[in-house]
């Protein structure tokens, strides 16, 4: 699994979660630069879509890895997340 942190590292932290069977570059490539001007971005590529030979396991395993990363690297907190799958949804942090 790949986590790329970029953008305004002193801005609010926003996690970008691509749709399954896709990488974040495909889902968010056209808005990364603009979002990065304001936000500290954590861009996620799931196993199997991260350039490795790993096979995508299942969403429970992927979710556990994401939760672990947030806890270890960001004290368990984000300011928000955007998931893209047949549209997009914003999840405010808290």
PDB file of N, CA and C in Angstrom:
ATOM      1  N   UNK A   1       0.849  -1.168   0.000  1.00  0.00           N
ATOM      2  CA  UNK A   1       0.000   0.000   0.000  1.00  0.00           C
ATOM      3  C   UNK A   1       0.893   1.229   0.000  1.00  0.00           C
ATOM      4  N   UNK A   2       0.481   2.236  -0.721  1.00  0.00           N
ATOM      5  CA  UNK A   2       1.303   3.433  -0.881  1.00  0.00           C
ATOM      6  C   UNK A   2       0.569   4.648  -0.331  1.00  0.00           C
ATOM      7  N   UNK A   3       1.288   5.423   0.482  1.00  0.00           N
ATOM      8  CA  UNK A   3       0.786   6.682   1.004  1.00  0.00           C
ATOM      9  C   UNK A   3       1.762   7.769   0.592  1.00  0.00           C
ATOM     10  N   UNK A   4       1.332   8.694  -0.254  1.00  0.00           N
ATOM     11  CA  UNK A   4       2.175   9.814  -0.669  1.00  0.00           C
ATOM     12  C   UNK A   4       1.650  11.077   0.012  1.00  0.00           C
ATOM     13  N   UNK A   5       2.534  11.734   0.761  1.00  0.00           N
ATOM     14  CA  UNK A   5       2.153  12.984   1.411  1.00  0.00           C
ATOM     15  C   UNK A   5       2.758  14.126   0.622  1.00  0.00           C
ATOM     16  N   UNK A   6       1.931  15.101   0.282  1.00  0.00           N
ATOM     17  CA  UNK A   6       2.383  16.199  -0.563  1.00  0.00           C
ATOM     18  C   UNK A   6       1.521  17.421  -0.328  1.00  0.00           C
ATOM     19  N   UNK A   7       1.846  18.479  -1.029  1.00  0.00           N
ATOM     20  CA  UNK A   7       1.059  19.705  -0.933  1.00  0.00           C
ATOM     21  C   UNK A   7       1.539  20.601   0.189  1.00  0.00           C
ATOM     22  N   UNK A   8       0.640  21.384   0.748  1.00  0.00           N
ATOM     23  CA  UNK A   8       0.932  22.337   1.814  1.00  0.00           C
ATOM     24  C   UNK A   8       1.016  21.585   3.134  1.00  0.00           C
ATOM     25  N   UNK A   9       2.221  21.196   3.530  1.00  0.00           N
ATOM     26  CA  UNK A   9       2.397  20.358   4.715  1.00  0.00           C
ATOM     27  C   UNK A   9       1.996  21.051   6.013  1.00  0.00           C
ATOM     28  N   UNK A  10       1.791  22.369   5.985  1.00  0.00           N
ATOM     29  CA  UNK A  10       1.317  23.066   7.184  1.00  0.00           C
ATOM     30  C   UNK A  10      -0.187  23.332   7.114  1.00  0.00           C
ATOM     31  N   UNK A  11      -0.833  22.897   6.032  1.00  0.00           N
ATOM     32  CA  UNK A  11      -2.281  23.073   5.888  1.00  0.00           C
ATOM     33  C   UNK A  11      -3.045  21.961   6.585  1.00  0.00           C
ATOM     34  N   UNK A  12      -4.354  22.066   6.557  1.00  0.00           N
ATOM     35  CA  UNK A  12      -5.199  20.998   7.102  1.00  0.00           C
ATOM     36  C   UNK A  12      -4.950  19.724   6.312  1.00  0.00           C
ATOM     37  N   UNK A  13      -5.046  18.582   7.006  1.00  0.00           N
ATOM     38  CA  UNK A  13      -4.731  17.290   6.404  1.00  0.00           C
ATOM     39  C   UNK A  13      -5.970  16.673   5.772  1.00  0.00           C
ATOM     40  N   UNK A  14      -5.849  16.337   4.486  1.00  0.00           N
ATOM     41  CA  UNK A  14      -6.935  15.773   3.707  1.00  0.00           C
ATOM     42  C   UNK A  14      -6.447  14.484   3.059  1.00  0.00           C
ATOM     43  N   UNK A  15      -7.148  13.382   3.307  1.00  0.00           N
ATOM     44  CA  UNK A  15      -6.783  12.097   2.714  1.00  0.00           C
ATOM     45  C   UNK A  15      -7.622  11.868   1.462  1.00  0.00           C
ATOM     46  N   UNK A  16      -6.957  11.458   0.384  1.00  0.00           N
ATOM     47  CA  UNK A  16      -7.623  11.170  -0.881  1.00  0.00           C
ATOM     48  C   UNK A  16      -7.628   9.660  -1.111  1.00  0.00           C
ATOM     49  N   UNK A  17      -8.826   9.097  -1.177  1.00  0.00           N
ATOM     50  CA  UNK A  17      -9.008   7.656  -1.326  1.00  0.00           C
ATOM     51  C   UNK A  17      -9.628   7.363  -2.691  1.00  0.00           C
ATOM     52  N   UNK A  18      -8.876   6.710  -3.584  1.00  0.00           N
ATOM     53  CA  UNK A  18      -9.414   6.436  -4.921  1.00  0.00           C
ATOM     54  C   UNK A  18     -10.450   5.320  -4.881  1.00  0.00           C
ATOM     55  N   UNK A  19     -11.207   5.212  -5.948  1.00  0.00           N
ATOM     56  CA  UNK A  19     -12.112   4.072  -6.085  1.00  0.00           C
ATOM     57  C   UNK A  19     -11.297   2.797  -6.241  1.00  0.00           C
ATOM     58  N   UNK A  20     -11.879   1.668  -5.894  1.00  0.00           N
ATOM     59  CA  UNK A  20     -11.160   0.407  -6.067  1.00  0.00           C
ATOM     60  C   UNK A  20     -10.887   0.190  -7.549  1.00  0.00           C
ATOM     61  N   UNK A  21      -9.861  -0.555  -7.833  1.00  0.00           N
ATOM     62  CA  UNK A  21      -9.404  -0.828  -9.198  1.00  0.00           C
ATOM     63  C   UNK A  21      -8.871   0.434  -9.872  1.00  0.00           C
ATOM     64  N   UNK A  22      -8.344   1.349  -9.065  1.00  0.00           N
ATOM     65  CA  UNK A  22      -7.855   2.610  -9.601  1.00  0.00           C
ATOM     66  C   UNK A  22      -6.753   3.147  -8.686  1.00  0.00           C
ATOM     67  N   UNK A  23      -5.905   4.032  -9.207  1.00  0.00           N
ATOM     68  CA  UNK A  23      -4.914   4.693  -8.364  1.00  0.00           C
ATOM     69  C   UNK A  23      -5.327   6.151  -8.159  1.00  0.00           C
ATOM     70  N   UNK A  24      -4.702   6.803  -7.167  1.00  0.00           N
ATOM     71  CA  UNK A  24      -5.097   8.183  -6.867  1.00  0.00           C
ATOM     72  C   UNK A  24      -4.755   9.127  -8.015  1.00  0.00           C
ATOM     73  N   UNK A  25      -3.713   8.814  -8.776  1.00  0.00           N
ATOM     74  CA  UNK A  25      -3.339   9.669  -9.896  1.00  0.00           C
ATOM     75  C   UNK A  25      -4.465   9.741 -10.931  1.00  0.00           C
ATOM     76  N   UNK A  26      -5.137   8.623 -11.161  1.00  0.00           N
ATOM     77  CA  UNK A  26      -6.233   8.591 -12.118  1.00  0.00           C
ATOM     78  C   UNK A  26      -7.450   9.345 -11.589  1.00  0.00           C
ATOM     79  N   UNK A  27      -7.796   9.092 -10.319  1.00  0.00           N
ATOM     80  CA  UNK A  27      -8.990   9.727  -9.749  1.00  0.00           C
ATOM     81  C   UNK A  27      -8.808  11.211  -9.445  1.00  0.00           C
ATOM     82  N   UNK A  28      -7.624  11.600  -8.982  1.00  0.00           N
ATOM     83  CA  UNK A  28      -7.439  12.958  -8.485  1.00  0.00           C
ATOM     84  C   UNK A  28      -6.381  13.768  -9.234  1.00  0.00           C
ATOM     85  N   UNK A  29      -5.815  13.209 -10.296  1.00  0.00           N
ATOM     86  CA  UNK A  29      -4.725  13.857 -11.007  1.00  0.00           C
ATOM     87  C   UNK A  29      -4.998  15.277 -11.451  1.00  0.00           C
ATOM     88  N   UNK A  30      -6.225  15.559 -11.846  1.00  0.00           N
ATOM     89  CA  UNK A  30      -6.535  16.896 -12.355  1.00  0.00           C
ATOM     90  C   UNK A  30      -6.728  17.933 -11.249  1.00  0.00           C
ATOM     91  N   UNK A  31      -6.846  17.497  -9.995  1.00  0.00           N
ATOM     92  CA  UNK A  31      -7.070  18.451  -8.892  1.00  0.00           C
ATOM     93  C   UNK A  31      -5.959  18.452  -7.850  1.00  0.00           C
ATOM     94  N   UNK A  32      -4.966  17.576  -7.991  1.00  0.00           N
ATOM     95  CA  UNK A  32      -3.904  17.461  -6.983  1.00  0.00           C
ATOM     96  C   UNK A  32      -3.167  18.776  -6.756  1.00  0.00           C
ATOM     97  N   UNK A  33      -2.753  19.417  -7.831  1.00  0.00           N
ATOM     98  CA  UNK A  33      -1.981  20.652  -7.689  1.00  0.00           C
ATOM     99  C   UNK A  33      -2.797  21.726  -6.971  1.00  0.00           C
ATOM    100  N   UNK A  34      -4.025  21.869  -7.377  1.00  0.00           N
ATOM    101  CA  UNK A  34      -4.895  22.903  -6.780  1.00  0.00           C
ATOM    102  C   UNK A  34      -5.188  22.604  -5.313  1.00  0.00           C
ATOM    103  N   UNK A  35      -5.530  21.356  -4.993  1.00  0.00           N
ATOM    104  CA  UNK A  35      -5.770  20.982  -3.594  1.00  0.00           C
ATOM    105  C   UNK A  35      -4.513  21.153  -2.757  1.00  0.00           C
ATOM    106  N   UNK A  36      -3.365  20.822  -3.349  1.00  0.00           N
ATOM    107  CA  UNK A  36      -2.096  20.904  -2.646  1.00  0.00           C
ATOM    108  C   UNK A  36      -1.678  22.314  -2.280  1.00  0.00           C
ATOM    109  N   UNK A  37      -2.248  23.317  -2.935  1.00  0.00           N
ATOM    110  CA  UNK A  37      -1.945  24.700  -2.575  1.00  0.00           C
ATOM    111  C   UNK A  37      -2.456  25.031  -1.175  1.00  0.00           C
ATOM    112  N   UNK A  38      -3.547  24.419  -0.782  1.00  0.00           N
ATOM    113  CA  UNK A  38      -4.184  24.725   0.503  1.00  0.00           C
ATOM    114  C   UNK A  38      -4.028  23.612   1.533  1.00  0.00           C
ATOM    115  N   UNK A  39      -4.044  22.352   1.074  1.00  0.00           N
ATOM    116  CA  UNK A  39      -4.110  21.221   1.999  1.00  0.00           C
ATOM    117  C   UNK A  39      -2.834  20.375   2.008  1.00  0.00           C
ATOM    118  N   UNK A  40      -2.591  19.770   3.150  1.00  0.00           N
ATOM    119  CA  UNK A  40      -1.608  18.702   3.298  1.00  0.00           C
ATOM    120  C   UNK A  40      -2.325  17.435   2.840  1.00  0.00           C
ATOM    121  N   UNK A  41      -1.921  16.893   1.713  1.00  0.00           N
ATOM    122  CA  UNK A  41      -2.600  15.753   1.110  1.00  0.00           C
ATOM    123  C   UNK A  41      -1.924  14.442   1.466  1.00  0.00           C
ATOM    124  N   UNK A  42      -2.733  13.460   1.800  1.00  0.00           N
ATOM    125  CA  UNK A  42      -2.273  12.080   1.934  1.00  0.00           C
ATOM    126  C   UNK A  42      -2.987  11.318   0.829  1.00  0.00           C
ATOM    127  N   UNK A  43      -2.228  10.927  -0.191  1.00  0.00           N
ATOM    128  CA  UNK A  43      -2.787  10.260  -1.364  1.00  0.00           C
ATOM    129  C   UNK A  43      -2.532   8.757  -1.240  1.00  0.00           C
ATOM    130  N   UNK A  44      -3.592   7.974  -1.339  1.00  0.00           N
ATOM    131  CA  UNK A  44      -3.512   6.531  -1.087  1.00  0.00           C
ATOM    132  C   UNK A  44      -3.635   5.754  -2.387  1.00  0.00           C
ATOM    133  N   UNK A  45      -2.751   4.758  -2.545  1.00  0.00           N
ATOM    134  CA  UNK A  45      -2.900   3.743  -3.588  1.00  0.00           C
ATOM    135  C   UNK A  45      -2.983   2.397  -2.883  1.00  0.00           C
ATOM    136  N   UNK A  46      -4.042   1.655  -3.156  1.00  0.00           N
ATOM    137  CA  UNK A  46      -4.270   0.373  -2.503  1.00  0.00           C
ATOM    138  C   UNK A  46      -3.314  -0.702  -3.020  1.00  0.00           C
ATOM    139  N   UNK A  47      -3.149  -1.759  -2.223  1.00  0.00           N
ATOM    140  CA  UNK A  47      -2.382  -2.921  -2.676  1.00  0.00           C
ATOM    141  C   UNK A  47      -2.914  -3.362  -4.034  1.00  0.00           C
ATOM    142  N   UNK A  48      -1.987  -3.679  -4.930  1.00  0.00           N
ATOM    143  CA  UNK A  48      -2.374  -4.100  -6.269  1.00  0.00           C
ATOM    144  C   UNK A  48      -2.501  -2.944  -7.250  1.00  0.00           C
ATOM    145  N   UNK A  49      -2.559  -1.714  -6.732  1.00  0.00           N
ATOM    146  CA  UNK A  49      -2.659  -0.519  -7.564  1.00  0.00           C
ATOM    147  C   UNK A  49      -1.577   0.488  -7.179  1.00  0.00           C
ATOM    148  N   UNK A  50      -0.558  -0.016  -6.489  1.00  0.00           N
ATOM    149  CA  UNK A  50       0.513   0.834  -5.961  1.00  0.00           C
ATOM    150  C   UNK A  50       1.852   0.579  -6.640  1.00  0.00           C
ATOM    151  N   UNK A  51       1.828  -0.149  -7.752  1.00  0.00           N
ATOM    152  CA  UNK A  51       3.063  -0.445  -8.466  1.00  0.00           C
ATOM    153  C   UNK A  51       3.791  -1.675  -7.961  1.00  0.00           C
ATOM    154  N   UNK A  52       3.276  -2.300  -6.915  1.00  0.00           N
ATOM    155  CA  UNK A  52       3.907  -3.509  -6.378  1.00  0.00           C
ATOM    156  C   UNK A  52       3.242  -4.748  -6.985  1.00  0.00           C
ATOM    157  N   UNK A  53       3.789  -5.911  -6.661  1.00  0.00           N
ATOM    158  CA  UNK A  53       3.205  -7.176  -7.124  1.00  0.00           C
ATOM    159  C   UNK A  53       2.133  -7.691  -6.172  1.00  0.00           C
ATOM    160  N   UNK A  54       1.816  -6.916  -5.137  1.00  0.00           N
ATOM    161  CA  UNK A  54       0.827  -7.321  -4.155  1.00  0.00           C
ATOM    162  C   UNK A  54      -0.567  -7.343  -4.791  1.00  0.00           C
ATOM    163  N   UNK A  55      -1.372  -8.295  -4.384  1.00  0.00           N
ATOM    164  CA  UNK A  55      -2.743  -8.414  -4.884  1.00  0.00           C
ATOM    165  C   UNK A  55      -3.685  -7.717  -3.907  1.00  0.00           C
ATOM    166  N   UNK A  56      -4.660  -6.998  -4.426  1.00  0.00           N
ATOM    167  CA  UNK A  56      -5.655  -6.345  -3.593  1.00  0.00           C
ATOM    168  C   UNK A  56      -6.338  -7.413  -2.739  1.00  0.00           C
ATOM    169  N   UNK A  57      -6.298  -7.264  -1.399  1.00  0.00           N
ATOM    170  CA  UNK A  57      -6.855  -8.313  -0.538  1.00  0.00           C
ATOM    171  C   UNK A  57      -8.382  -8.214  -0.419  1.00  0.00           C
ATOM    172  N   UNK A  58      -8.865  -7.251   0.325  1.00  0.00           N
ATOM    173  CA  UNK A  58     -10.284  -6.988   0.542  1.00  0.00           C
ATOM    174  C   UNK A  58     -10.382  -5.648   1.256  1.00  0.00           C
ATOM    175  N   UNK A  59     -11.572  -5.053   1.269  1.00  0.00           N
ATOM    176  CA  UNK A  59     -11.713  -3.701   1.826  1.00  0.00           C
ATOM    177  C   UNK A  59     -11.485  -3.656   3.342  1.00  0.00           C
ATOM    178  N   UNK A  60     -11.778  -4.727   4.062  1.00  0.00           N
ATOM    179  CA  UNK A  60     -11.541  -4.740   5.515  1.00  0.00           C
ATOM    180  C   UNK A  60     -10.045  -4.617   5.778  1.00  0.00           C
ATOM    181  N   UNK A  61      -9.233  -5.404   5.083  1.00  0.00           N
ATOM    182  CA  UNK A  61      -7.777  -5.356   5.259  1.00  0.00           C
ATOM    183  C   UNK A  61      -7.234  -3.986   4.871  1.00  0.00           C
ATOM    184  N   UNK A  62      -7.706  -3.450   3.752  1.00  0.00           N
ATOM    185  CA  UNK A  62      -7.269  -2.131   3.295  1.00  0.00           C
ATOM    186  C   UNK A  62      -7.639  -1.069   4.329  1.00  0.00           C
ATOM    187  N   UNK A  63      -8.848  -1.115   4.847  1.00  0.00           N
ATOM    188  CA  UNK A  63      -9.300  -0.154   5.850  1.00  0.00           C
ATOM    189  C   UNK A  63      -8.439  -0.235   7.106  1.00  0.00           C
ATOM    190  N   UNK A  64      -8.104  -1.426   7.538  1.00  0.00           N
ATOM    191  CA  UNK A  64      -7.238  -1.592   8.715  1.00  0.00           C
ATOM    192  C   UNK A  64      -5.870  -0.962   8.484  1.00  0.00           C
ATOM    193  N   UNK A  65      -5.313  -1.126   7.280  1.00  0.00           N
ATOM    194  CA  UNK A  65      -4.016  -0.523   6.966  1.00  0.00           C
ATOM    195  C   UNK A  65      -4.099   1.003   6.978  1.00  0.00           C
ATOM    196  N   UNK A  66      -5.185   1.539   6.443  1.00  0.00           N
ATOM    197  CA  UNK A  66      -5.374   2.992   6.439  1.00  0.00           C
ATOM    198  C   UNK A  66      -5.514   3.510   7.867  1.00  0.00           C
ATOM    199  N   UNK A  67      -6.310   2.838   8.682  1.00  0.00           N
ATOM    200  CA  UNK A  67      -6.482   3.244  10.084  1.00  0.00           C
ATOM    201  C   UNK A  67      -5.144   3.219  10.825  1.00  0.00           C
ATOM    202  N   UNK A  68      -4.363   2.176  10.609  1.00  0.00           N
ATOM    203  CA  UNK A  68      -3.053   2.061  11.257  1.00  0.00           C
ATOM    204  C   UNK A  68      -2.150   3.226  10.853  1.00  0.00           C
ATOM    205  N   UNK A  69      -2.141   3.558   9.569  1.00  0.00           N
ATOM    206  CA  UNK A  69      -1.314   4.660   9.081  1.00  0.00           C
ATOM    207  C   UNK A  69      -1.724   5.978   9.744  1.00  0.00           C
ATOM    208  N   UNK A  70      -3.013   6.235   9.786  1.00  0.00           N
ATOM    209  CA  UNK A  70      -3.506   7.478  10.401  1.00  0.00           C
ATOM    210  C   UNK A  70      -3.120   7.534  11.878  1.00  0.00           C
ATOM    211  N   UNK A  71      -3.263   6.436  12.583  1.00  0.00           N
ATOM    212  CA  UNK A  71      -2.905   6.400  14.007  1.00  0.00           C
ATOM    213  C   UNK A  71      -1.412   6.618  14.212  1.00  0.00           C
ATOM    214  N   UNK A  72      -0.594   5.926  13.432  1.00  0.00           N
ATOM    215  CA  UNK A  72       0.860   5.992  13.620  1.00  0.00           C
ATOM    216  C   UNK A  72       1.467   7.302  13.120  1.00  0.00           C
ATOM    217  N   UNK A  73       1.003   7.811  12.003  1.00  0.00           N
ATOM    218  CA  UNK A  73       1.635   8.983  11.385  1.00  0.00           C
ATOM    219  C   UNK A  73       0.951  10.307  11.720  1.00  0.00           C
ATOM    220  N   UNK A  74      -0.320  10.247  12.140  1.00  0.00           N
ATOM    221  CA  UNK A  74      -1.072  11.483  12.334  1.00  0.00           C
ATOM    222  C   UNK A  74      -1.863  11.497  13.644  1.00  0.00           C
ATOM    223  N   UNK A  75      -1.407  10.711  14.612  1.00  0.00           N
ATOM    224  CA  UNK A  75      -2.039  10.711  15.924  1.00  0.00           C
ATOM    225  C   UNK A  75      -3.509  10.336  15.895  1.00  0.00           C
ATOM    226  N   UNK A  76      -3.931   9.613  14.867  1.00  0.00           N
ATOM    227  CA  UNK A  76      -5.307   9.153  14.776  1.00  0.00           C
ATOM    228  C   UNK A  76      -6.291  10.193  14.269  1.00  0.00           C
ATOM    229  N   UNK A  77      -5.787  11.319  13.744  1.00  0.00           N
ATOM    230  CA  UNK A  77      -6.690  12.395  13.326  1.00  0.00           C
ATOM    231  C   UNK A  77      -6.388  12.887  11.915  1.00  0.00           C
ATOM    232  N   UNK A  78      -7.448  13.191  11.188  1.00  0.00           N
ATOM    233  CA  UNK A  78      -7.389  13.876   9.901  1.00  0.00           C
ATOM    234  C   UNK A  78      -8.384  15.019   9.966  1.00  0.00           C
ATOM    235  N   UNK A  79      -8.198  16.001   9.123  1.00  0.00           N
ATOM    236  CA  UNK A  79      -9.194  17.068   9.034  1.00  0.00           C
ATOM    237  C   UNK A  79     -10.317  16.695   8.079  1.00  0.00           C
ATOM    238  N   UNK A  80     -10.054  15.782   7.152  1.00  0.00           N
ATOM    239  CA  UNK A  80     -11.085  15.340   6.231  1.00  0.00           C
ATOM    240  C   UNK A  80     -10.553  14.287   5.281  1.00  0.00           C
ATOM    241  N   UNK A  81     -11.458  13.682   4.549  1.00  0.00           N
ATOM    242  CA  UNK A  81     -11.091  12.678   3.552  1.00  0.00           C
ATOM    243  C   UNK A  81     -12.083  12.763   2.404  1.00  0.00           C
ATOM    244  N   UNK A  82     -11.577  12.497   1.213  1.00  0.00           N
ATOM    245  CA  UNK A  82     -12.443  12.436   0.038  1.00  0.00           C
ATOM    246  C   UNK A  82     -12.257  11.059  -0.594  1.00  0.00           C
ATOM    247  N   UNK A  83     -13.353  10.338  -0.730  1.00  0.00           N
ATOM    248  CA  UNK A  83     -13.338   9.044  -1.386  1.00  0.00           C
ATOM    249  C   UNK A  83     -13.994   9.172  -2.746  1.00  0.00           C
ATOM    250  N   UNK A  84     -13.405   8.560  -3.755  1.00  0.00           N
ATOM    251  CA  UNK A  84     -13.947   8.657  -5.109  1.00  0.00           C
ATOM    252  C   UNK A  84     -14.305   7.272  -5.612  1.00  0.00           C
ATOM    253  N   UNK A  85     -15.579   7.051  -5.843  1.00  0.00           N
ATOM    254  CA  UNK A  85     -16.035   5.809  -6.433  1.00  0.00           C
ATOM    255  C   UNK A  85     -17.415   6.070  -7.019  1.00  0.00           C
ATOM    256  N   UNK A  86     -17.489   6.158  -8.320  1.00  0.00           N
ATOM    257  CA  UNK A  86     -18.740   6.515  -8.997  1.00  0.00           C
ATOM    258  C   UNK A  86     -19.285   7.820  -8.450  1.00  0.00           C
ATOM    259  N   UNK A  87     -18.383   8.763  -8.261  1.00  0.00           N
ATOM    260  CA  UNK A  87     -18.747  10.046  -7.670  1.00  0.00           C
ATOM    261  C   UNK A  87     -17.749  10.356  -6.580  1.00  0.00           C
ATOM    262  N   UNK A  88     -18.116  11.200  -5.669  1.00  0.00           N
ATOM    263  CA  UNK A  88     -17.184  11.569  -4.611  1.00  0.00           C
ATOM    264  C   UNK A  88     -17.968  11.945  -3.372  1.00  0.00           C
ATOM    265  N   UNK A  89     -17.404  11.646  -2.217  1.00  0.00           N
ATOM    266  CA  UNK A  89     -18.033  11.968  -0.945  1.00  0.00           C
ATOM    267  C   UNK A  89     -17.002  12.588  -0.033  1.00  0.00           C
ATOM    268  N   UNK A  90     -17.385  13.603   0.704  1.00  0.00           N
ATOM    269  CA  UNK A  90     -16.495  14.258   1.656  1.00  0.00           C
ATOM    270  C   UNK A  90     -16.846  13.787   3.059  1.00  0.00           C
ATOM    271  N   UNK A  91     -15.835  13.399   3.821  1.00  0.00           N
ATOM    272  CA  UNK A  91     -16.009  12.984   5.193  1.00  0.00           C
ATOM    273  C   UNK A  91     -15.251  13.953   6.081  1.00  0.00           C
ATOM    274  N   UNK A  92     -15.946  14.809   6.816  1.00  0.00           N
ATOM    275  CA  UNK A  92     -15.225  15.747   7.684  1.00  0.00           C
ATOM    276  C   UNK A  92     -14.502  14.987   8.793  1.00  0.00           C
ATOM    277  N   UNK A  93     -13.316  15.470   9.147  1.00  0.00           N
ATOM    278  CA  UNK A  93     -12.552  14.843  10.224  1.00  0.00           C
ATOM    279  C   UNK A  93     -13.160  15.185  11.563  1.00  0.00           C
ATOM    280  N   UNK A  94     -12.649  14.536  12.561  1.00  0.00           N
ATOM    281  CA  UNK A  94     -13.176  14.842  13.886  1.00  0.00           C
ATOM    282  C   UNK A  94     -12.685  13.888  14.905  1.00  0.00           C
TER     283      UNK A  94
END
